[in-house]
Amino acid sequence: MPFRVDGSRFTTVLGGSGSRVIGPSARINRSDGYLRAAAEQAQLKSTLATSVKLREALTELRAVLRTEGAGSRRASAQSSPGIALDLASRVTTRGSTEEVNRLNTSVTPRNPAFDGSSTSTPTVGGAYDGSQGSATFTVEISNPNRTVGGNRDIRLTLRDSAGVRIDRQTLVANTPADTEVTFNNGVTVSLSAGTVRRSDTFSFDVEVGDEQAVDPDNPLGGSGSNDPLLETGQQVLAGTFEVNGVTITVDPTTDSLNDVLDQITASAAGVDATFDAATETVQLSRRVASDEDITLTNDTSGFLAATKLAGSSSTLGQTSDADQTLSSVAAFAGVSSGTLQVNGVDVAFDVTTDTVQDLVARIGSTVDGVTASMSSNRVVITAQHSSQRLELQDGGTGILQALQLRSGVYTGTRGAGPDSEAVIAATREVATLMGELLAGASDDAPLAVRQLYSSVEQLVRDAADEDTLGLVRTGLGVDFDFREGVRDRVSLRQGGSALRRTLTLRSDVVESFFGATEADGTGFLDKLVDRLEHDEERLKDAVGSTGIFVSATA
């Protein structure tokens, strides 16, 4: 095999007494450590590069061989008729019994301003009863100047759009700031700390038929512009409640409706909690389909009442038969735990812990050369290549009958097979690269190169039909020559005609030698690719251990 060191061309030449490396003018002496190390590293790099190319060519050949021709049909077992399974699956849900705030009137703005020099800020709200229709209301201070929360009463007069008095309420002396008074039409007013002056007024609008929408992002205990607009009479306090036995803590000074719902979702309750703005309801749903209830208990905060979840009930879900243990499903009532055999491979299952989905997945992961799947209410087990057969035995468990599958052997139909000309072309490429790889082997070659050569030779000899003093012949029409001094190590007999005949008439020989199926990875191609990958690591280690770095190009 030729290679270069420092721009000079060297080659390894086979002879009757071994091999020698010759250059442009003289033989390299063993005592010349630098040049020998450089030559070895160059040969290691060249061999490594060839090995990588060969492995890629082998992978391409394997892909061509595994191409099924027209008319191929793989052996397959399919439930017939389908299994009597109820595959419906739904989660348990629970929601508010009605709108969180069902009032059909609104009050705006929530924090109007006095028109005079009063410093207190009013807050309006309540459940307006609509008795004056949609209107603009005005509240007037009907006494001399006062301090909110002071030792003098404050009289508040409510007037309609025409200035007609509707009602008068009094904040009695020493009533704390922000205490609500309720007028006879349901409107409420409170005053913040500050002062109020005689005849100062503030106004706000009331609308009938305009629903007061909950604000899920305001604190549950908020007021004024921060009011969550829960229904009048509903109040959320600091406390807790439980969802499926998991404690949820509520702080109305900081927690909004959405905050509490997010806390439920993030908890171990196994429930997603959301606020549906369109229906103005809270909705809870289990994450996993089952018939388990959603329990809501031990509320000390008033949250469940305020969100209309108190008194609600769950709509129970359902688990698909495919996700229930076999012993829980009527279709598998006669099945006992045991072992199913697929192509002679044992697949164990337990009816008390395994589902039909578990069993199908286990077949696919346990048995080489077979795929297993479940589509709707049918189980399908299929060989990976048309030349493979499929054999099923239920080991006396009754599982095949329950799956609507037949015990016994299933066969496929092999079509025209791979394109013989494409196989021959890919084989020629492999032969060329193997010849280059093996040409560099000699007693003086680096250890990693000799090990690679020995590995490849042994794999070829193990797979051969005939081995005569180093001339290895295969039933494929591909020959290998390991005799000393031979240049062409790999050849296609009769220019590829022998291989063409074998591809046409003896597909079984092709499969056993080249591993044309993907069943178990034991074909010659599979083993050779694996061996090259392994020995390439040795070559990489050897390249890094010569102690020098030389630019070498084969």
Protein backbone atom coordinates (compact mmCIF):
# COMPACT_ATOMS: atom_id res chain seq x y z
CA MET A 1 0.00 0.00 0.00
CA PRO A 2 1.59 3.38 -1.02
CA PHE A 3 1.81 6.28 1.41
CA ARG A 4 3.85 9.48 1.84
CA VAL A 5 6.11 10.87 4.57
CA ASP A 6 7.30 14.52 4.38
CA GLY A 7 6.35 14.59 0.69
CA SER A 8 8.28 11.44 -0.21
CA ARG A 9 6.44 8.36 -1.50
CA PHE A 10 6.90 5.04 0.28
CA THR A 11 5.30 1.68 -0.30
CA THR A 12 5.06 -1.65 1.48
CA VAL A 13 6.23 -4.46 -0.81
CA LEU A 14 5.45 -8.13 -0.17
CA GLY A 15 8.21 -10.65 -0.82
CA GLY A 16 9.22 -14.19 -0.09
CA SER A 17 10.99 -13.23 3.14
CA GLY A 18 8.44 -10.81 4.45
CA SER A 19 8.02 -7.17 3.54
CA ARG A 20 10.03 -4.02 3.31
CA VAL A 21 9.28 -0.32 3.07
CA ILE A 22 11.13 1.34 0.20
CA GLY A 23 11.39 5.00 -0.64
CA PRO A 24 12.72 7.07 -3.46
CA SER A 25 16.40 6.32 -2.84
CA ALA A 26 16.99 3.84 -0.07
CA ARG A 27 15.51 1.35 2.36
CA ILE A 28 14.42 2.72 5.75
CA ASN A 29 16.62 1.25 8.47
CA ARG A 30 15.20 0.04 11.74
CA SER A 31 17.64 2.33 13.51
CA ASP A 32 16.13 5.39 11.89
CA GLY A 33 13.48 5.90 14.62
CA TYR A 34 12.02 9.12 13.35
CA LEU A 35 11.40 7.98 9.78
CA ARG A 36 10.08 4.60 10.91
CA ALA A 37 7.66 6.26 13.36
CA ALA A 38 6.60 8.68 10.65
CA ALA A 39 6.08 5.85 8.17
CA GLU A 40 4.07 3.86 10.72
CA GLN A 41 1.85 6.80 11.50
CA ALA A 42 1.25 7.48 7.83
CA GLN A 43 0.33 3.83 7.28
CA LEU A 44 -1.99 3.90 10.30
CA LYS A 45 -3.76 7.00 8.99
CA SER A 46 -4.04 5.57 5.50
CA THR A 47 -5.43 2.29 6.82
CA LEU A 48 -7.89 4.13 9.05
CA ALA A 49 -9.18 6.24 6.15
CA THR A 50 -9.59 3.13 3.96
CA SER A 51 -11.39 1.29 6.76
CA VAL A 52 -13.90 4.12 7.17
CA LYS A 53 -14.58 4.16 3.40
CA LEU A 54 -14.98 0.37 3.40
CA ARG A 55 -17.42 0.47 6.30
CA GLU A 56 -19.52 3.10 4.48
CA ALA A 57 -19.48 0.95 1.31
CA LEU A 58 -20.51 -2.12 3.31
CA THR A 59 -23.40 -0.19 4.83
CA GLU A 60 -24.54 0.86 1.36
CA LEU A 61 -24.29 -2.74 0.08
CA ARG A 62 -26.31 -3.97 3.05
CA ALA A 63 -29.02 -1.38 2.31
CA VAL A 64 -29.18 -2.48 -1.36
CA LEU A 65 -29.45 -6.15 -0.38
CA ARG A 66 -32.27 -5.41 2.05
CA THR A 67 -34.41 -3.72 -0.59
CA GLU A 68 -37.45 -5.89 -1.15
CA GLY A 69 -38.63 -6.32 -4.71
CA ALA A 70 -42.10 -5.83 -6.13
CA GLY A 71 -44.59 -8.45 -5.01
CA SER A 72 -42.97 -9.02 -1.62
CA ARG A 73 -45.26 -9.60 1.35
CA ARG A 74 -44.04 -10.04 4.89
CA ALA A 75 -45.39 -12.74 7.19
CA SER A 76 -47.96 -11.09 9.43
CA ALA A 77 -50.49 -12.09 12.09
CA GLN A 78 -53.45 -9.77 12.61
CA SER A 79 -56.44 -9.97 14.95
CA SER A 80 -59.43 -11.20 12.97
CA PRO A 81 -62.05 -10.23 13.78
CA GLY A 82 -61.01 -7.37 16.03
CA ILE A 83 -60.78 -7.83 19.80
CA ALA A 84 -63.95 -6.89 21.70
CA LEU A 85 -62.45 -3.87 23.47
CA ASP A 86 -64.00 -0.60 24.57
CA LEU A 87 -61.29 1.85 23.58
CA ALA A 88 -63.14 4.97 24.71
CA SER A 89 -61.00 7.04 27.03
CA ARG A 90 -61.92 10.23 28.87
CA VAL A 91 -60.88 12.11 31.99
CA THR A 92 -62.99 12.97 35.03
CA THR A 93 -64.15 16.61 35.12
CA ARG A 94 -65.76 18.92 37.65
CA GLY A 95 -66.79 22.57 37.32
CA SER A 96 -68.68 25.52 38.77
CA THR A 97 -72.42 24.95 39.10
CA GLU A 98 -73.08 28.39 37.55
CA GLU A 99 -71.29 31.60 36.62
CA VAL A 100 -68.91 32.75 39.33
CA ASN A 101 -70.61 36.16 39.12
CA ARG A 102 -74.09 35.79 37.65
CA LEU A 103 -75.16 39.44 38.10
CA ASN A 104 -76.42 41.08 34.91
CA THR A 105 -75.71 44.61 36.06
CA SER A 106 -72.48 46.53 36.28
CA VAL A 107 -71.15 49.60 38.11
CA THR A 108 -68.38 51.78 36.61
CA PRO A 109 -65.99 53.27 37.41
CA ARG A 110 -65.20 51.47 40.61
CA ASN A 111 -63.19 54.39 42.02
CA PRO A 112 -64.79 57.68 40.98
CA ALA A 113 -63.35 60.99 42.24
CA PHE A 114 -64.99 63.77 44.29
CA ASP A 115 -65.67 66.97 42.36
CA GLY A 116 -64.59 69.18 45.25
CA SER A 117 -61.75 69.36 47.73
CA SER A 118 -62.50 66.11 49.58
CA THR A 119 -59.34 63.97 49.93
CA SER A 120 -61.02 60.60 50.55
CA THR A 121 -61.35 58.17 47.59
CA PRO A 122 -64.73 56.48 47.18
CA THR A 123 -65.21 52.87 46.04
CA VAL A 124 -68.52 51.75 44.55
CA GLY A 125 -69.80 48.24 43.94
CA GLY A 126 -72.47 45.92 45.18
CA ALA A 127 -75.24 44.10 43.36
CA TYR A 128 -77.38 46.79 41.75
CA ASP A 129 -80.96 45.49 41.46
CA GLY A 130 -81.74 47.44 38.31
CA SER A 131 -84.70 49.25 39.88
CA GLN A 132 -83.71 52.60 38.32
CA GLY A 133 -82.62 51.02 35.06
CA SER A 134 -79.40 52.08 33.39
CA ALA A 135 -78.48 55.49 34.78
CA THR A 136 -75.86 57.81 36.18
CA PHE A 137 -75.95 58.00 39.97
CA THR A 138 -74.51 60.73 42.16
CA VAL A 139 -73.54 60.50 45.83
CA GLU A 140 -73.47 63.75 47.84
CA ILE A 141 -71.94 64.50 51.24
CA SER A 142 -74.92 65.81 53.24
CA ASN A 143 -73.25 67.16 56.37
CA PRO A 144 -70.47 69.58 57.31
CA ASN A 145 -66.83 68.68 56.77
CA ARG A 146 -65.84 65.38 58.30
CA THR A 147 -62.85 63.06 58.68
CA VAL A 148 -63.46 59.48 57.56
CA GLY A 149 -63.25 57.24 60.62
CA GLY A 150 -63.60 60.24 62.93
CA ASN A 151 -66.02 60.83 65.81
CA ARG A 152 -68.79 62.44 63.70
CA ASP A 153 -71.36 60.75 61.43
CA ILE A 154 -71.07 61.07 57.64
CA ARG A 155 -74.33 61.13 55.67
CA LEU A 156 -74.29 59.92 52.05
CA THR A 157 -77.20 60.76 49.76
CA LEU A 158 -77.72 58.75 46.53
CA ARG A 159 -79.49 60.59 43.68
CA ASP A 160 -80.56 59.48 40.19
CA SER A 161 -79.82 61.19 36.87
CA ALA A 162 -82.58 63.78 37.52
CA GLY A 163 -81.22 64.62 40.97
CA VAL A 164 -84.06 62.81 42.75
CA ARG A 165 -83.00 61.27 46.02
CA ILE A 166 -83.04 57.45 45.93
CA ASP A 167 -81.71 56.73 49.43
CA ARG A 168 -79.55 58.07 52.26
CA GLN A 169 -77.11 56.02 54.34
CA THR A 170 -74.91 57.00 57.29
CA LEU A 171 -71.36 56.06 58.19
CA VAL A 172 -71.72 56.37 61.93
CA ALA A 173 -69.03 57.95 64.04
CA ASN A 174 -65.80 55.96 64.48
CA THR A 175 -66.64 53.60 61.63
CA PRO A 176 -63.28 52.52 60.11
CA ALA A 177 -62.31 53.78 56.67
CA ASP A 178 -63.19 51.46 53.74
CA THR A 179 -66.33 50.19 55.48
CA GLU A 180 -69.17 49.65 52.99
CA VAL A 181 -72.69 51.05 53.28
CA THR A 182 -75.45 49.56 51.09
CA PHE A 183 -78.18 51.64 49.51
CA ASN A 184 -81.69 50.28 48.99
CA ASN A 185 -81.01 49.35 45.36
CA GLY A 186 -78.02 47.19 46.24
CA VAL A 187 -75.27 49.68 45.33
CA THR A 188 -72.47 49.85 47.91
CA VAL A 189 -70.12 52.72 48.72
CA SER A 190 -67.05 52.94 50.95
CA LEU A 191 -64.68 55.83 51.69
CA SER A 192 -60.92 55.60 52.15
CA ALA A 193 -59.09 57.48 54.89
CA GLY A 194 -59.19 61.25 54.31
CA THR A 195 -61.62 64.12 54.56
CA VAL A 196 -64.99 64.86 52.97
CA ARG A 197 -66.62 68.28 52.55
CA ARG A 198 -70.25 69.34 52.48
CA SER A 199 -71.94 69.12 49.11
CA ASP A 200 -68.96 67.44 47.39
CA THR A 201 -70.20 64.76 45.01
CA PHE A 202 -68.98 61.87 42.88
CA SER A 203 -70.81 60.09 40.05
CA PHE A 204 -70.81 56.62 38.44
CA ASP A 205 -72.80 54.70 35.87
CA VAL A 206 -74.99 51.64 36.39
CA GLU A 207 -75.94 49.39 33.49
CA VAL A 208 -78.68 46.77 33.32
CA GLY A 209 -78.07 43.76 31.03
CA ASP A 210 -74.30 44.27 31.13
CA GLU A 211 -72.86 41.34 33.03
CA GLN A 212 -70.19 42.11 35.57
CA ALA A 213 -67.26 39.94 34.44
CA VAL A 214 -64.92 38.39 36.99
CA ASP A 215 -61.32 39.59 36.83
CA PRO A 216 -59.27 36.41 37.51
CA ASP A 217 -56.01 38.33 37.89
CA ASN A 218 -57.02 40.66 40.73
CA PRO A 219 -56.41 39.60 44.35
CA LEU A 220 -59.38 37.69 45.72
CA GLY A 221 -59.61 40.18 48.57
CA GLY A 222 -59.02 43.24 46.40
CA SER A 223 -61.29 46.28 46.14
CA GLY A 224 -61.79 49.26 43.87
CA SER A 225 -59.71 48.87 40.71
CA ASN A 226 -58.26 45.67 42.20
CA ASP A 227 -61.68 44.10 42.85
CA PRO A 228 -61.91 40.54 41.43
CA LEU A 229 -65.65 41.16 40.99
CA LEU A 230 -66.81 38.02 42.70
CA GLU A 231 -70.53 37.81 43.20
CA THR A 232 -71.87 40.09 45.96
CA GLY A 233 -71.98 38.26 49.25
CA GLN A 234 -69.09 35.97 48.39
CA GLN A 235 -65.91 36.54 50.34
CA VAL A 236 -62.61 34.67 50.25
CA LEU A 237 -60.60 34.55 53.49
CA ALA A 238 -57.15 33.32 54.37
CA GLY A 239 -57.43 29.56 54.70
CA THR A 240 -57.12 26.22 52.93
CA PHE A 241 -59.10 23.59 51.06
CA GLU A 242 -58.24 20.16 49.66
CA VAL A 243 -58.29 18.79 46.13
CA ASN A 244 -58.04 15.00 46.03
CA GLY A 245 -56.62 15.17 49.53
CA VAL A 246 -53.92 17.73 48.62
CA THR A 247 -53.99 20.97 50.64
CA ILE A 248 -54.25 24.26 48.71
CA THR A 249 -53.48 27.47 50.64
CA VAL A 250 -55.25 30.75 49.87
CA ASP A 251 -54.05 34.25 50.80
CA PRO A 252 -56.67 36.71 49.47
CA THR A 253 -54.39 39.71 49.92
CA THR A 254 -52.01 38.43 47.23
CA ASP A 255 -53.59 35.43 45.50
CA SER A 256 -55.81 35.95 42.48
CA LEU A 257 -58.25 33.38 41.15
CA ASN A 258 -55.70 32.35 38.51
CA ASP A 259 -52.98 32.07 41.17
CA VAL A 260 -55.03 29.57 43.15
CA LEU A 261 -55.92 27.60 40.02
CA ASP A 262 -52.23 27.50 39.02
CA GLN A 263 -51.41 26.20 42.50
CA ILE A 264 -53.93 23.37 42.04
CA THR A 265 -52.46 22.47 38.65
CA ALA A 266 -48.90 22.45 40.02
CA SER A 267 -49.83 20.33 43.04
CA ALA A 268 -49.84 16.55 43.40
CA ALA A 269 -53.63 16.45 43.02
CA GLY A 270 -53.29 15.27 39.41
CA VAL A 271 -55.76 17.90 38.23
CA ASP A 272 -55.62 20.75 35.71
CA ALA A 273 -57.54 23.82 36.92
CA THR A 274 -58.57 26.68 34.62
CA PHE A 275 -60.94 29.65 34.49
CA ASP A 276 -63.15 29.70 31.39
CA ALA A 277 -63.78 33.39 30.71
CA ALA A 278 -66.44 32.61 28.08
CA THR A 279 -68.66 30.74 30.55
CA GLU A 280 -67.21 32.47 33.62
CA THR A 281 -66.73 29.13 35.38
CA VAL A 282 -63.87 27.25 37.00
CA GLN A 283 -63.10 23.89 35.33
CA LEU A 284 -61.17 20.99 36.85
CA SER A 285 -60.07 17.88 34.95
CA ARG A 286 -57.91 14.91 35.85
CA ARG A 287 -54.80 14.55 33.68
CA VAL A 288 -55.09 10.79 33.26
CA ALA A 289 -58.16 9.06 31.88
CA SER A 290 -59.88 7.09 34.64
CA ASP A 291 -63.14 6.78 36.54
CA GLU A 292 -61.63 8.35 39.68
CA ASP A 293 -63.57 11.21 41.30
CA ILE A 294 -62.25 14.75 41.86
CA THR A 295 -62.80 15.46 45.55
CA LEU A 296 -63.09 18.97 47.04
CA THR A 297 -63.13 19.06 50.84
CA ASN A 298 -62.34 20.92 54.07
CA ASP A 299 -62.63 24.48 52.81
CA THR A 300 -61.86 27.12 55.46
CA SER A 301 -61.26 29.92 52.95
CA GLY A 302 -64.63 30.22 51.24
CA PHE A 303 -62.91 29.76 47.86
CA LEU A 304 -65.07 26.82 46.79
CA ALA A 305 -68.28 28.73 47.54
CA ALA A 306 -67.04 31.91 45.83
CA THR A 307 -66.14 29.99 42.66
CA LYS A 308 -69.41 27.97 42.74
CA LEU A 309 -67.50 24.71 43.11
CA ALA A 310 -69.18 23.99 46.43
CA GLY A 311 -72.08 21.64 45.77
CA SER A 312 -70.77 20.62 42.35
CA SER A 313 -70.26 16.98 41.33
CA SER A 314 -67.85 15.16 39.06
CA THR A 315 -68.52 13.68 35.65
CA LEU A 316 -66.55 10.47 35.92
CA GLY A 317 -64.16 9.50 33.15
CA GLN A 318 -63.23 6.12 31.70
CA THR A 319 -60.03 4.15 31.09
CA SER A 320 -59.63 2.46 27.71
CA ASP A 321 -59.62 -1.36 27.87
CA ALA A 322 -56.23 -1.19 26.16
CA ASP A 323 -54.82 0.57 29.23
CA GLN A 324 -56.39 -1.66 31.87
CA THR A 325 -54.78 -4.81 33.22
CA LEU A 326 -55.73 -7.91 31.25
CA SER A 327 -57.57 -9.40 34.25
CA SER A 328 -59.82 -6.30 34.36
CA VAL A 329 -61.03 -6.61 30.76
CA ALA A 330 -63.85 -8.96 29.79
CA ALA A 331 -62.18 -9.88 26.49
CA PHE A 332 -59.31 -11.49 28.42
CA ALA A 333 -61.38 -13.23 31.08
CA GLY A 334 -60.12 -16.69 30.09
CA VAL A 335 -56.45 -15.78 29.88
CA SER A 336 -53.94 -16.89 32.51
CA SER A 337 -50.49 -15.48 33.28
CA GLY A 338 -47.66 -17.28 31.53
CA THR A 339 -45.45 -17.18 28.47
CA LEU A 340 -46.21 -16.52 24.82
CA GLN A 341 -43.68 -17.75 22.23
CA VAL A 342 -42.91 -15.66 19.16
CA ASN A 343 -40.43 -17.34 16.79
CA GLY A 344 -39.38 -19.49 19.72
CA VAL A 345 -38.65 -16.53 21.97
CA ASP A 346 -40.46 -16.45 25.33
CA VAL A 347 -42.50 -13.36 26.10
CA ALA A 348 -43.75 -13.47 29.70
CA PHE A 349 -46.79 -11.57 30.93
CA ASP A 350 -48.88 -11.24 34.07
CA VAL A 351 -52.62 -10.67 33.66
CA THR A 352 -52.80 -8.82 37.00
CA THR A 353 -50.21 -6.18 36.11
CA ASP A 354 -49.86 -6.08 32.31
CA THR A 355 -52.17 -4.37 29.82
CA VAL A 356 -52.59 -5.49 26.23
CA GLN A 357 -50.49 -2.45 25.27
CA ASP A 358 -47.74 -3.68 27.61
CA LEU A 359 -47.81 -7.12 25.99
CA VAL A 360 -47.65 -5.75 22.45
CA ALA A 361 -44.74 -3.46 23.34
CA ARG A 362 -42.90 -6.34 25.03
CA ILE A 363 -43.20 -8.52 21.93
CA GLY A 364 -41.64 -5.79 19.81
CA SER A 365 -38.78 -5.16 22.25
CA THR A 366 -38.06 -8.81 23.08
CA VAL A 367 -38.21 -10.61 19.74
CA ASP A 368 -35.62 -9.68 17.10
CA GLY A 369 -36.83 -9.42 13.53
CA VAL A 370 -40.43 -8.73 14.50
CA THR A 371 -42.57 -5.62 14.88
CA ALA A 372 -45.70 -5.55 17.01
CA SER A 373 -48.33 -2.84 17.16
CA MET A 374 -51.94 -2.21 18.11
CA SER A 375 -54.24 -0.25 15.83
CA SER A 376 -57.78 0.32 17.04
CA ASN A 377 -58.87 -3.08 18.35
CA ARG A 378 -56.45 -5.19 16.30
CA VAL A 379 -53.01 -6.50 17.25
CA VAL A 380 -50.57 -6.86 14.35
CA ILE A 381 -47.31 -8.86 14.57
CA THR A 382 -45.13 -8.74 11.44
CA ALA A 383 -41.78 -10.16 10.34
CA GLN A 384 -39.30 -7.51 9.25
CA HIS A 385 -38.43 -9.20 5.95
CA SER A 386 -40.42 -11.13 3.38
CA SER A 387 -38.06 -14.12 3.61
CA GLN A 388 -38.72 -14.60 7.32
CA ARG A 389 -41.49 -16.71 8.70
CA LEU A 390 -43.47 -15.91 11.83
CA GLU A 391 -44.47 -18.51 14.41
CA LEU A 392 -46.81 -17.93 17.37
CA GLN A 393 -47.57 -20.27 20.29
CA ASP A 394 -49.49 -19.23 23.40
CA GLY A 395 -48.00 -21.70 25.88
CA GLY A 396 -51.43 -22.76 27.10
CA THR A 397 -52.29 -19.25 28.36
CA GLY A 398 -55.19 -18.64 25.99
CA ILE A 399 -53.77 -15.26 25.05
CA LEU A 400 -53.69 -15.84 21.27
CA GLN A 401 -57.34 -16.82 21.15
CA ALA A 402 -58.25 -13.71 23.17
CA LEU A 403 -56.19 -11.59 20.76
CA GLN A 404 -58.03 -13.23 17.84
CA LEU A 405 -54.71 -14.59 16.54
CA ARG A 406 -54.04 -18.10 15.23
CA SER A 407 -51.37 -20.34 16.75
CA GLY A 408 -48.89 -21.67 14.21
CA VAL A 409 -46.67 -20.52 11.36
CA TYR A 410 -47.27 -17.50 9.11
CA THR A 411 -45.28 -17.07 5.89
CA GLY A 412 -44.65 -14.18 3.56
CA THR A 413 -44.02 -13.91 -0.16
CA ARG A 414 -40.66 -12.89 -1.54
CA GLY A 415 -40.85 -10.76 -4.66
CA ALA A 416 -38.20 -10.12 -7.26
CA GLY A 417 -35.59 -9.29 -4.63
CA PRO A 418 -32.95 -6.57 -4.78
CA ASP A 419 -31.64 -5.16 -8.07
CA SER A 420 -28.80 -7.54 -9.00
CA GLU A 421 -26.89 -4.88 -10.97
CA ALA A 422 -27.02 -2.50 -8.02
CA VAL A 423 -25.75 -5.30 -5.74
CA ILE A 424 -22.91 -6.14 -8.13
CA ALA A 425 -21.89 -2.47 -8.43
CA ALA A 426 -21.91 -2.05 -4.65
CA THR A 427 -20.00 -5.33 -4.22
CA ARG A 428 -17.31 -4.19 -6.67
CA GLU A 429 -16.81 -1.04 -4.59
CA VAL A 430 -16.49 -3.15 -1.45
CA ALA A 431 -14.04 -5.51 -3.20
CA THR A 432 -11.84 -2.59 -4.30
CA LEU A 433 -11.68 -1.07 -0.82
CA MET A 434 -11.07 -4.44 0.87
CA GLY A 435 -8.22 -5.05 -1.58
CA GLU A 436 -6.69 -1.69 -0.64
CA LEU A 437 -7.13 -2.41 3.04
CA LEU A 438 -5.57 -5.86 2.94
CA ALA A 439 -2.67 -4.83 0.64
CA GLY A 440 -0.93 -3.06 3.51
CA ALA A 441 -0.72 -6.10 5.81
CA SER A 442 2.76 -7.46 6.50
CA ASP A 443 4.90 -8.62 9.38
CA ASP A 444 6.47 -5.15 9.58
CA ALA A 445 3.13 -3.30 9.58
CA PRO A 446 2.01 -1.56 12.80
CA LEU A 447 0.31 -3.87 15.29
CA ALA A 448 -3.11 -2.23 14.88
CA VAL A 449 -2.94 -2.76 11.08
CA ARG A 450 -2.01 -6.43 11.53
CA GLN A 451 -4.83 -6.91 14.01
CA LEU A 452 -7.35 -5.41 11.58
CA TYR A 453 -6.07 -7.63 8.76
CA SER A 454 -6.28 -10.72 10.99
CA SER A 455 -9.84 -9.85 12.10
CA VAL A 456 -11.07 -9.40 8.53
CA GLU A 457 -9.34 -12.58 7.34
CA GLN A 458 -10.87 -14.63 10.15
CA LEU A 459 -14.38 -13.31 9.43
CA VAL A 460 -14.02 -14.18 5.74
CA ARG A 461 -12.68 -17.69 6.47
CA ASP A 462 -15.51 -18.36 8.94
CA ALA A 463 -18.10 -17.48 6.30
CA ALA A 464 -16.43 -19.29 3.38
CA ASP A 465 -17.64 -22.37 1.54
CA GLU A 466 -14.12 -23.39 0.46
CA ASP A 467 -10.68 -22.50 1.83
CA THR A 468 -7.65 -23.88 -0.02
CA LEU A 469 -4.30 -22.69 1.32
CA GLY A 470 -5.46 -19.12 1.63
CA LEU A 471 -7.67 -19.02 -1.47
CA VAL A 472 -11.13 -18.56 -0.03
CA ARG A 473 -14.11 -19.14 -2.31
CA THR A 474 -17.74 -18.40 -1.44
CA GLY A 475 -20.98 -19.69 -2.92
CA LEU A 476 -21.74 -16.11 -3.92
CA GLY A 477 -19.05 -15.89 -6.54
CA VAL A 478 -17.01 -13.48 -4.40
CA ASP A 479 -13.47 -14.80 -3.72
CA PHE A 480 -10.76 -13.72 -1.28
CA ASP A 481 -7.06 -14.48 -1.70
CA PHE A 482 -4.89 -14.36 1.41
CA ARG A 483 -1.89 -16.09 -0.20
CA GLU A 484 1.46 -14.34 0.18
CA GLY A 485 2.49 -12.02 -2.61
CA VAL A 486 -0.94 -11.74 -4.19
CA ARG A 487 -2.00 -8.20 -5.19
CA ASP A 488 -5.72 -8.64 -5.92
CA ARG A 489 -7.12 -9.79 -2.60
CA VAL A 490 -10.83 -9.68 -3.50
CA SER A 491 -12.46 -10.49 -6.82
CA LEU A 492 -15.85 -11.19 -8.36
CA ARG A 493 -15.73 -14.57 -10.13
CA GLN A 494 -16.54 -14.41 -13.85
CA GLY A 495 -16.77 -10.64 -13.70
CA GLY A 496 -19.83 -10.74 -11.45
CA SER A 497 -21.84 -13.30 -13.43
CA ALA A 498 -21.61 -15.87 -10.63
CA LEU A 499 -22.97 -13.35 -8.12
CA ARG A 500 -25.75 -12.39 -10.54
CA ARG A 501 -26.84 -16.05 -10.81
CA THR A 502 -26.74 -16.47 -7.04
CA LEU A 503 -28.91 -13.38 -6.49
CA THR A 504 -31.47 -14.76 -8.93
CA LEU A 505 -31.52 -18.42 -7.90
CA ARG A 506 -30.18 -18.67 -4.34
CA SER A 507 -31.58 -15.84 -2.21
CA ASP A 508 -31.08 -18.01 0.87
CA VAL A 509 -27.31 -18.05 0.25
CA VAL A 510 -27.26 -14.26 -0.13
CA GLU A 511 -29.17 -13.81 3.12
CA SER A 512 -27.06 -16.19 5.17
CA PHE A 513 -23.73 -14.83 3.93
CA PHE A 514 -24.39 -11.11 3.53
CA GLY A 515 -27.14 -10.82 6.15
CA ALA A 516 -29.71 -9.51 3.74
CA THR A 517 -32.34 -9.46 6.48
CA GLU A 518 -32.32 -7.36 9.62
CA ALA A 519 -33.41 -10.23 11.85
CA ASP A 520 -30.45 -10.63 14.17
CA GLY A 521 -27.40 -8.86 12.77
CA THR A 522 -25.45 -12.14 12.34
CA GLY A 523 -24.72 -11.91 8.60
CA PHE A 524 -21.20 -11.40 7.26
CA LEU A 525 -21.85 -7.74 6.48
CA ASP A 526 -23.14 -7.05 9.98
CA LYS A 527 -20.14 -8.73 11.60
CA LEU A 528 -17.65 -7.02 9.29
CA VAL A 529 -19.12 -3.55 9.93
CA ASP A 530 -19.01 -4.17 13.69
CA ARG A 531 -15.40 -5.44 13.48
CA LEU A 532 -14.25 -2.43 11.46
CA GLU A 533 -15.83 -0.06 13.97
CA HIS A 534 -14.02 -1.86 16.78
CA ASP A 535 -10.62 -1.99 15.08
CA GLU A 536 -10.84 1.62 13.92
CA GLU A 537 -10.67 2.61 17.59
CA ARG A 538 -7.38 0.69 17.85
CA LEU A 539 -6.08 2.52 14.80
CA LYS A 540 -7.05 5.89 16.27
CA ASP A 541 -5.29 5.02 19.54
CA ALA A 542 -2.21 3.86 17.64
CA VAL A 543 -2.08 7.06 15.56
CA GLY A 544 -1.98 9.07 18.77
CA SER A 545 0.76 6.93 20.39
CA THR A 546 3.63 7.27 17.86
CA GLY A 547 4.95 10.39 19.61
CA ILE A 548 5.20 12.55 16.46
CA PHE A 549 2.86 14.41 14.17
CA VAL A 550 3.53 14.09 10.45
CA SER A 551 1.51 15.36 7.50
CA ALA A 552 0.96 12.23 5.41
CA THR A 553 -1.13 11.79 2.28
CA ALA A 554 -1.65 8.39 0.64
